[in-house]
Amino acid sequence: MQKILDWAIPAAFVIHGIGMIGGVYFVFTTKSSFGEAFGNALVVARIITALIWIVSGVAYIAAGWGYWHDLEWWRTAAWIAAPTTLAGIALWWGVIPPGTYVGAWMSGILIAALAFGWL
């Protein structure tokens, strides 16, 4: 079982990170209540959200790389990735595709796993 986890966890991190970075396209092609709240500054709102998603994606990829290579800092990268993912998803709640909510669950589970020392 441990061997499966040794590749499944970093693979999930990297895939999730790629999805977050790919989601930047979504930010610029979809309406959001977050963006509408900014009125004329919609472009600024989209850039802020895109930066959140890029940071989250890069942090998830880094966490996967660090976990795979048993580097000490992978947990720090995961702690950056999970909350920023939740923030990015929250800003587009109700607008994003339903499959994206899996990322919110994954981030919540990751936060719990890190907080309770399961990972």
Protein backbone atom coordinates (compact mmCIF):
# COMPACT_ATOMS: atom_id res chain seq x y z
CA MET A 1 0.00 0.00 0.00
CA GLN A 2 2.82 2.43 0.84
CA LYS A 3 4.31 2.03 -2.63
CA ILE A 4 1.01 3.05 -4.18
CA LEU A 5 0.84 6.14 -1.99
CA ASP A 6 4.45 7.00 -2.80
CA TRP A 7 3.51 7.65 -6.41
CA ALA A 8 -0.23 8.42 -6.12
CA ILE A 9 0.17 11.40 -3.77
CA PRO A 10 2.77 13.28 -5.84
CA ALA A 11 0.89 12.39 -9.03
CA ALA A 12 -2.31 13.87 -7.58
CA PHE A 13 -0.42 17.01 -6.53
CA VAL A 14 1.13 17.50 -9.97
CA ILE A 15 -2.11 16.80 -11.85
CA HIS A 16 -3.99 19.18 -9.58
CA GLY A 17 -1.30 21.83 -10.06
CA ILE A 18 -1.50 21.53 -13.84
CA GLY A 19 -5.28 21.85 -13.60
CA MET A 20 -4.99 25.00 -11.50
CA ILE A 21 -2.60 26.60 -13.98
CA GLY A 22 -4.84 25.52 -16.86
CA GLY A 23 -7.76 27.12 -15.03
CA VAL A 24 -6.26 30.54 -15.71
CA TYR A 25 -7.88 30.30 -19.17
CA PHE A 26 -11.22 29.83 -17.43
CA VAL A 27 -10.69 32.99 -15.36
CA PHE A 28 -10.46 35.11 -18.50
CA THR A 29 -13.38 33.51 -20.34
CA THR A 30 -16.09 33.28 -17.65
CA LYS A 31 -18.19 35.73 -15.68
CA SER A 32 -17.92 35.76 -11.90
CA SER A 33 -19.68 37.50 -9.07
CA PHE A 34 -16.19 38.28 -7.74
CA GLY A 35 -15.34 40.04 -10.99
CA GLU A 36 -18.67 41.87 -11.13
CA ALA A 37 -18.06 43.22 -7.63
CA PHE A 38 -15.07 45.10 -9.05
CA GLY A 39 -17.20 46.84 -11.69
CA ASN A 40 -14.88 48.59 -14.11
CA ALA A 41 -11.87 46.87 -12.57
CA LEU A 42 -12.90 43.45 -13.90
CA VAL A 43 -9.54 43.03 -15.60
CA VAL A 44 -7.78 43.62 -12.26
CA ALA A 45 -10.06 41.05 -10.59
CA ARG A 46 -9.25 38.50 -13.27
CA ILE A 47 -5.52 39.14 -12.94
CA ILE A 48 -5.69 38.76 -9.15
CA THR A 49 -7.55 35.48 -9.52
CA ALA A 50 -5.17 34.26 -12.22
CA LEU A 51 -2.21 34.97 -9.94
CA ILE A 52 -3.88 33.04 -7.10
CA TRP A 53 -4.45 30.06 -9.39
CA ILE A 54 -0.89 30.20 -10.78
CA VAL A 55 0.61 30.34 -7.27
CA SER A 56 -1.56 27.43 -6.22
CA GLY A 57 -0.68 25.40 -9.31
CA VAL A 58 3.05 25.98 -9.01
CA ALA A 59 2.92 25.19 -5.27
CA TYR A 60 1.07 21.91 -5.95
CA ILE A 61 3.58 20.90 -8.61
CA ALA A 62 6.44 21.79 -6.25
CA ALA A 63 4.79 19.78 -3.45
CA GLY A 64 4.50 16.77 -5.75
CA TRP A 65 8.13 17.08 -6.80
CA GLY A 66 9.26 17.52 -3.20
CA TYR A 67 7.18 14.58 -1.97
CA TRP A 68 8.48 12.33 -4.76
CA HIS A 69 12.08 13.18 -3.93
CA ASP A 70 11.50 13.13 -0.16
CA LEU A 71 12.54 16.75 0.28
CA GLU A 72 11.80 18.44 3.60
CA TRP A 73 10.04 21.48 2.15
CA TRP A 74 7.23 19.67 0.29
CA ARG A 75 4.84 20.25 3.23
CA THR A 76 5.47 23.99 3.07
CA ALA A 77 4.58 23.97 -0.62
CA ALA A 78 1.45 21.94 0.16
CA TRP A 79 0.48 24.42 2.90
CA ILE A 80 0.73 27.20 0.32
CA ALA A 81 -1.12 25.25 -2.37
CA ALA A 82 -4.18 24.05 -0.46
CA PRO A 83 -5.48 27.34 0.99
CA THR A 84 -4.76 29.27 -2.20
CA THR A 85 -6.71 26.64 -4.14
CA LEU A 86 -9.65 27.11 -1.81
CA ALA A 87 -9.40 30.88 -2.24
CA GLY A 88 -9.28 30.60 -6.02
CA ILE A 89 -12.26 28.25 -6.11
CA ALA A 90 -14.24 30.37 -3.62
CA LEU A 91 -13.85 33.43 -5.83
CA TRP A 92 -15.55 31.59 -8.70
CA TRP A 93 -18.01 29.51 -6.65
CA GLY A 94 -21.16 28.66 -8.57
CA VAL A 95 -19.58 29.51 -11.91
CA ILE A 96 -16.78 26.97 -12.26
CA PRO A 97 -17.39 23.54 -13.77
CA PRO A 98 -18.66 20.95 -11.25
CA GLY A 99 -15.50 18.85 -11.48
CA THR A 100 -13.51 21.73 -10.07
CA TYR A 101 -15.14 21.24 -6.68
CA VAL A 102 -13.16 18.01 -6.42
CA GLY A 103 -10.13 20.28 -6.08
CA ALA A 104 -11.77 22.00 -3.12
CA TRP A 105 -12.34 18.65 -1.43
CA MET A 106 -8.78 17.58 -2.21
CA SER A 107 -7.44 20.78 -0.68
CA GLY A 108 -9.58 20.39 2.43
CA ILE A 109 -8.42 16.81 2.89
CA LEU A 110 -4.81 17.89 2.35
CA ILE A 111 -5.12 20.62 5.00
CA ALA A 112 -6.54 18.08 7.47
CA ALA A 113 -3.85 15.52 6.61
CA LEU A 114 -1.08 18.06 7.13
CA ALA A 115 -2.62 19.50 10.29
CA PHE A 116 -3.07 16.11 11.94
CA GLY A 117 0.32 14.78 10.78
CA TRP A 118 -1.11 12.11 8.50
CA LEU A 119 1.29 13.19 5.74
